[in-house]
Amino acid sequence: MKKITTIISVSIFAVVILIFAVLSLFIVDQTQYAVVLRFGEIKRVVSEPGIYFRSPFIDNVVRLSKRYYIYDIPVEKIISLDKKTMLVDSYAIWRISDPKKFIESVKTPNLALSRIDDVIYSGLRNILAKLNFDDIVTSERQYLSDITNFARKNLSEFGIEVLDVRIKHTDLPKENQQAVFERMKSERQSIAELIRAEGQKEAQRIRAEAEKQATIIKAQAISEAEKIRGMGEASATQIYAESFARDSEFYQLLRTLESYKKIIPGSIVIVGQDLRILEEMK
């Protein structure tokens, strides 16, 4: 009987020791932070994976993920610089960078979402309010970088690191869509007309310049032709003069024959007779 009692006592003691051992040990995964709390006060933060000890029934272990979270931010109304109201649907990628600050300020990831929402909405409102609607729709890279930096700066004090803020899409409220579309259409038509007018003006300038160049080239060609004609006539006159000086009677006869060709039909016969006369004169 005494032996059985001893066995039972030893068993109970072993179970108690085992329970205390189980309660004293905790395992930290490589994807987790472990924050050890004692009566709500942070005693230590474990960021490396492994098996650790704690005081059973006194210490409480809160585990936080090291992974990135994707927070789909509720759609917000934003007013642009040109006073257009738009619905902005965005999301943020974030993670816990400082578990001690995180526990002290926002406690849990679910409560952190409210803080992230406030900060990012503030950034969207302040930065997009400085831009026109067209700029927000067509060139998002720069202002998204500004919003991300704004959120990163203002959430770091809560132990939160914001990796990126993105806008999925922007819409107009249904009651404003048609009016805005008509205004945008009118603006585009005005721009198109301005570009068309500038094109016509440039075409007229090019056409006038071409006509000017053509006139100059034509005048130069006429001048050159007159110059060449004058030189030819001068050469012909010089040749006539030299011929006349060499044999005036022969030159006079040639001129007479040329006149016959122009004014008397059948001048070939006359030319033949004149050539015979020339032979006799020789």
Protein backbone atom coordinates (compact mmCIF):
# COMPACT_ATOMS: atom_id res chain seq x y z
CA MET A 1 0.00 0.00 0.00
CA LYS A 2 2.83 2.34 0.90
CA LYS A 3 4.53 1.53 -2.40
CA ILE A 4 1.38 2.40 -4.38
CA THR A 5 1.08 5.70 -2.53
CA THR A 6 4.68 6.53 -3.37
CA ILE A 7 4.14 5.74 -7.04
CA ILE A 8 1.04 7.93 -7.15
CA SER A 9 2.87 10.79 -5.43
CA VAL A 10 5.80 10.52 -7.81
CA SER A 11 3.44 10.43 -10.78
CA ILE A 12 1.56 13.49 -9.58
CA PHE A 13 4.83 15.31 -8.98
CA ALA A 14 6.06 14.35 -12.46
CA VAL A 15 2.82 15.59 -14.01
CA VAL A 16 3.09 18.87 -12.11
CA ILE A 17 6.71 19.26 -13.19
CA LEU A 18 5.71 18.48 -16.78
CA ILE A 19 2.91 21.03 -16.64
CA PHE A 20 5.26 23.64 -15.24
CA ALA A 21 7.81 22.79 -17.93
CA VAL A 22 5.22 23.08 -20.67
CA LEU A 23 3.99 26.38 -19.28
CA SER A 24 7.54 27.68 -18.89
CA LEU A 25 8.58 26.99 -22.46
CA PHE A 26 7.41 28.71 -25.65
CA ILE A 27 8.48 28.31 -29.24
CA VAL A 28 9.10 31.22 -31.59
CA ASP A 29 8.75 30.56 -35.32
CA GLN A 30 11.05 32.28 -37.83
CA THR A 31 8.08 34.24 -39.21
CA GLN A 32 7.13 35.64 -35.78
CA TYR A 33 8.03 38.09 -33.08
CA ALA A 34 7.28 37.06 -29.51
CA VAL A 35 6.56 39.76 -26.94
CA VAL A 36 6.68 38.62 -23.29
CA LEU A 37 4.26 40.57 -21.10
CA ARG A 38 4.15 40.51 -17.31
CA PHE A 39 0.99 42.08 -15.88
CA GLY A 40 0.65 44.06 -19.14
CA GLU A 41 4.21 45.38 -19.07
CA ILE A 42 6.65 44.38 -21.81
CA LYS A 43 9.52 42.39 -20.31
CA ARG A 44 11.31 41.40 -23.51
CA VAL A 45 10.93 40.98 -27.24
CA VAL A 46 12.13 37.83 -29.01
CA SER A 47 12.80 38.16 -32.73
CA GLU A 48 14.94 35.07 -33.36
CA PRO A 49 13.40 31.58 -33.82
CA GLY A 50 13.91 29.00 -31.06
CA ILE A 51 12.67 27.69 -27.69
CA TYR A 52 12.51 30.18 -24.81
CA PHE A 53 11.54 30.23 -21.10
CA ARG A 54 8.96 32.34 -19.30
CA SER A 55 7.50 32.49 -15.82
CA PRO A 56 4.35 30.33 -15.86
CA PHE A 57 1.07 31.92 -14.78
CA ILE A 58 2.81 35.32 -14.67
CA ASP A 59 4.18 35.96 -18.15
CA ASN A 60 2.00 36.13 -21.21
CA VAL A 61 3.43 35.71 -24.72
CA VAL A 62 1.98 37.70 -27.62
CA ARG A 63 3.02 36.60 -31.07
CA LEU A 64 3.17 39.02 -34.01
CA SER A 65 3.83 38.15 -37.64
CA LYS A 66 6.92 39.41 -39.42
CA ARG A 67 5.21 39.03 -42.78
CA TYR A 68 3.84 41.86 -44.87
CA TYR A 69 0.12 42.62 -44.61
CA ILE A 70 -2.04 43.91 -47.46
CA TYR A 71 -4.68 46.33 -46.23
CA ASP A 72 -7.49 47.07 -48.68
CA ILE A 73 -8.41 50.61 -47.66
CA PRO A 74 -12.11 51.56 -47.85
CA VAL A 75 -13.06 53.85 -50.75
CA GLU A 76 -12.65 57.50 -49.80
CA LYS A 77 -13.97 60.73 -51.32
CA ILE A 78 -11.22 63.15 -52.34
CA ILE A 79 -11.57 66.65 -53.85
CA SER A 80 -8.93 67.59 -56.43
CA LEU A 81 -7.38 71.01 -57.03
CA ASP A 82 -9.89 71.77 -59.80
CA LYS A 83 -12.74 70.98 -57.38
CA LYS A 84 -13.70 67.60 -58.79
CA THR A 85 -14.93 65.01 -56.31
CA MET A 86 -13.61 61.51 -56.93
CA LEU A 87 -13.78 58.12 -55.25
CA VAL A 88 -10.33 56.71 -54.56
CA ASP A 89 -9.92 52.95 -53.99
CA SER A 90 -6.46 52.21 -52.60
CA TYR A 91 -4.46 49.65 -50.66
CA ALA A 92 -1.31 49.59 -48.53
CA ILE A 93 1.40 46.98 -48.00
CA TRP A 94 2.84 47.14 -44.47
CA ARG A 95 4.53 45.14 -41.74
CA ILE A 96 5.44 45.38 -38.07
CA SER A 97 8.99 46.75 -37.86
CA ASP A 98 9.20 47.42 -34.10
CA PRO A 99 7.06 45.02 -32.02
CA LYS A 100 7.69 46.94 -28.76
CA LYS A 101 6.39 50.22 -30.19
CA PHE A 102 3.59 48.36 -31.91
CA ILE A 103 2.30 46.72 -28.70
CA GLU A 104 2.63 49.93 -26.70
CA SER A 105 0.74 52.05 -29.26
CA VAL A 106 -1.78 50.02 -31.25
CA LYS A 107 -1.80 46.63 -29.42
CA THR A 108 -3.01 44.36 -32.27
CA PRO A 109 -2.92 44.25 -36.07
CA ASN A 110 -6.68 44.79 -36.26
CA LEU A 111 -6.44 47.96 -34.20
CA ALA A 112 -3.46 49.05 -36.30
CA LEU A 113 -5.66 49.13 -39.42
CA SER A 114 -7.63 52.04 -38.03
CA ARG A 115 -4.44 54.03 -37.53
CA ILE A 116 -3.16 53.12 -41.02
CA ASP A 117 -6.48 54.14 -42.54
CA ASP A 118 -6.36 57.57 -40.86
CA VAL A 119 -2.78 58.30 -41.91
CA ILE A 120 -3.13 57.17 -45.53
CA TYR A 121 -6.43 58.98 -45.97
CA SER A 122 -4.77 62.13 -44.63
CA GLY A 123 -1.92 61.67 -47.13
CA LEU A 124 -4.31 61.08 -50.03
CA ARG A 125 -6.39 64.11 -49.12
CA ASN A 126 -3.44 66.48 -48.65
CA ILE A 127 -1.43 65.41 -51.71
CA LEU A 128 -4.23 64.82 -54.23
CA ALA A 129 -5.85 68.13 -53.25
CA LYS A 130 -2.83 69.85 -54.84
CA LEU A 131 -3.35 68.13 -58.21
CA ASN A 132 -5.88 68.52 -61.00
CA PHE A 133 -8.14 65.59 -61.80
CA ASP A 134 -6.44 64.94 -65.17
CA ASP A 135 -3.01 64.78 -63.52
CA ILE A 136 -4.29 62.30 -60.93
CA VAL A 137 -5.70 60.03 -63.63
CA THR A 138 -2.77 60.18 -66.05
CA SER A 139 0.40 60.46 -63.92
CA GLU A 140 0.23 58.52 -60.69
CA ARG A 141 3.85 57.47 -60.12
CA GLN A 142 5.13 60.66 -58.45
CA TYR A 143 2.22 61.38 -56.16
CA LEU A 144 1.97 57.73 -55.04
CA SER A 145 5.61 57.93 -54.01
CA ASP A 146 4.79 61.08 -52.02
CA ILE A 147 1.83 59.36 -50.33
CA THR A 148 3.97 56.32 -49.48
CA ASN A 149 6.68 58.52 -47.93
CA PHE A 150 4.07 60.46 -45.98
CA ALA A 151 2.53 57.26 -44.57
CA ARG A 152 5.94 55.73 -43.84
CA LYS A 153 7.03 58.80 -41.87
CA ASN A 154 3.84 59.13 -39.83
CA LEU A 155 3.42 55.42 -39.01
CA SER A 156 7.00 54.65 -38.02
CA GLU A 157 6.34 55.93 -34.48
CA PHE A 158 3.80 53.11 -34.08
CA GLY A 159 6.32 50.43 -35.07
CA ILE A 160 4.74 50.12 -38.53
CA GLU A 161 6.70 50.13 -41.78
CA VAL A 162 4.77 51.00 -44.93
CA LEU A 163 6.28 49.36 -47.99
CA ASP A 164 3.97 50.84 -50.61
CA VAL A 165 0.66 52.62 -51.14
CA ARG A 166 -1.17 52.03 -54.42
CA ILE A 167 -4.41 53.21 -55.99
CA LYS A 168 -6.47 50.47 -57.64
CA HIS A 169 -8.70 52.91 -59.46
CA THR A 170 -10.37 56.31 -59.22
CA ASP A 171 -14.01 56.90 -60.09
CA LEU A 172 -16.31 59.85 -60.20
CA PRO A 173 -19.53 59.87 -58.21
CA LYS A 174 -22.37 58.85 -60.50
CA GLU A 175 -24.08 62.22 -60.17
CA ASN A 176 -20.92 63.99 -61.42
CA GLN A 177 -19.74 61.63 -64.14
CA GLN A 178 -21.73 63.01 -67.08
CA ALA A 179 -20.96 66.66 -66.32
CA VAL A 180 -17.25 65.93 -65.93
CA PHE A 181 -17.15 63.85 -69.12
CA GLU A 182 -18.82 66.65 -71.07
CA ARG A 183 -16.38 69.20 -69.65
CA MET A 184 -13.41 66.99 -70.50
CA LYS A 185 -14.78 66.46 -74.02
CA SER A 186 -15.15 70.22 -74.49
CA GLU A 187 -11.61 70.82 -73.23
CA ARG A 188 -10.22 68.19 -75.59
CA GLN A 189 -12.09 69.71 -78.53
CA SER A 190 -10.68 73.15 -77.70
CA ILE A 191 -7.18 71.74 -77.55
CA ALA A 192 -7.72 69.91 -80.87
CA GLU A 193 -8.95 73.11 -82.54
CA LEU A 194 -5.96 75.02 -81.20
CA ILE A 195 -3.57 72.38 -82.53
CA ARG A 196 -5.39 72.37 -85.88
CA ALA A 197 -5.16 76.18 -86.13
CA GLU A 198 -1.47 76.07 -85.32
CA GLY A 199 -0.99 73.40 -87.98
CA GLN A 200 -2.78 75.50 -90.59
CA LYS A 201 -0.71 78.54 -89.65
CA GLU A 202 2.48 76.53 -89.99
CA ALA A 203 1.31 75.12 -93.33
CA GLN A 204 0.65 78.64 -94.64
CA ARG A 205 4.08 79.75 -93.47
CA ILE A 206 5.76 76.81 -95.19
CA ARG A 207 3.71 77.39 -98.37
CA ALA A 208 4.59 81.11 -98.44
CA GLU A 209 8.26 80.31 -97.86
CA ALA A 210 8.19 77.78 -100.70
CA GLU A 211 6.53 80.28 -103.04
CA LYS A 212 9.12 82.89 -102.07
CA GLN A 213 11.96 80.47 -102.78
CA ALA A 214 10.36 79.51 -106.11
CA THR A 215 10.08 83.19 -107.12
CA ILE A 216 13.70 83.81 -106.19
CA ILE A 217 14.89 80.74 -108.12
CA LYS A 218 12.79 81.71 -111.16
CA ALA A 219 14.12 85.29 -111.10
CA GLN A 220 17.66 84.00 -110.82
CA ALA A 221 17.06 81.62 -113.74
CA ILE A 222 15.62 84.42 -115.91
CA SER A 223 18.53 86.66 -115.02
CA GLU A 224 21.00 83.92 -115.89
CA ALA A 225 19.18 83.23 -119.17
CA GLU A 226 19.25 86.92 -120.12
CA LYS A 227 22.91 87.05 -119.26
CA ILE A 228 23.66 84.03 -121.46
CA ARG A 229 21.50 85.42 -124.29
CA GLY A 230 23.32 88.74 -124.08
CA MET A 231 26.66 86.98 -124.18
CA GLY A 232 25.50 84.98 -127.23
CA GLU A 233 24.28 88.07 -129.05
CA ALA A 234 27.53 89.85 -128.23
CA SER A 235 29.48 86.91 -129.62
CA ALA A 236 27.32 86.84 -132.75
CA THR A 237 27.78 90.58 -133.28
CA GLN A 238 31.52 90.18 -132.84
CA ILE A 239 31.58 87.35 -135.40
CA TYR A 240 29.50 89.40 -137.87
CA ALA A 241 31.79 92.37 -137.38
CA GLU A 242 34.90 90.28 -137.92
CA SER A 243 33.36 88.70 -141.04
CA PHE A 244 32.35 92.09 -142.44
CA ALA A 245 35.78 93.53 -141.80
CA ARG A 246 37.43 90.60 -143.58
CA ASP A 247 35.30 90.78 -146.84
CA SER A 248 32.51 93.33 -146.84
CA GLU A 249 31.17 92.44 -150.30
CA PHE A 250 30.96 88.73 -149.45
CA TYR A 251 29.29 89.51 -146.14
CA GLN A 252 26.78 91.80 -147.92
CA LEU A 253 26.04 89.02 -150.40
CA LEU A 254 25.36 86.50 -147.60
CA ARG A 255 23.01 88.90 -145.90
CA THR A 256 21.22 89.41 -149.23
CA LEU A 257 20.86 85.64 -149.69
CA GLU A 258 19.44 85.24 -146.20
CA SER A 259 16.92 87.97 -147.00
CA TYR A 260 15.90 86.11 -150.17
CA LYS A 261 15.24 82.93 -148.18
CA LYS A 262 12.82 84.78 -145.93
CA ILE A 263 10.91 86.94 -148.44
CA ILE A 264 11.09 85.14 -151.85
CA PRO A 265 9.57 81.65 -152.36
CA GLY A 266 11.82 79.22 -154.17
CA SER A 267 14.89 81.06 -153.03
CA ILE A 268 16.96 77.91 -153.51
CA VAL A 269 17.20 78.61 -157.25
CA ILE A 270 18.23 82.17 -156.64
CA VAL A 271 20.76 80.99 -154.15
CA GLY A 272 22.19 78.68 -156.78
CA GLN A 273 22.46 81.56 -159.28
CA ASP A 274 24.05 83.76 -156.67
CA LEU A 275 26.57 81.08 -155.89
CA ARG A 276 27.47 80.93 -159.61
CA ILE A 277 27.94 84.71 -159.61
CA LEU A 278 30.18 84.28 -156.62
CA GLU A 279 32.29 81.82 -158.54
CA GLU A 280 32.66 84.29 -161.46
CA MET A 281 33.60 87.08 -159.04
CA LYS A 282 36.37 84.96 -157.65
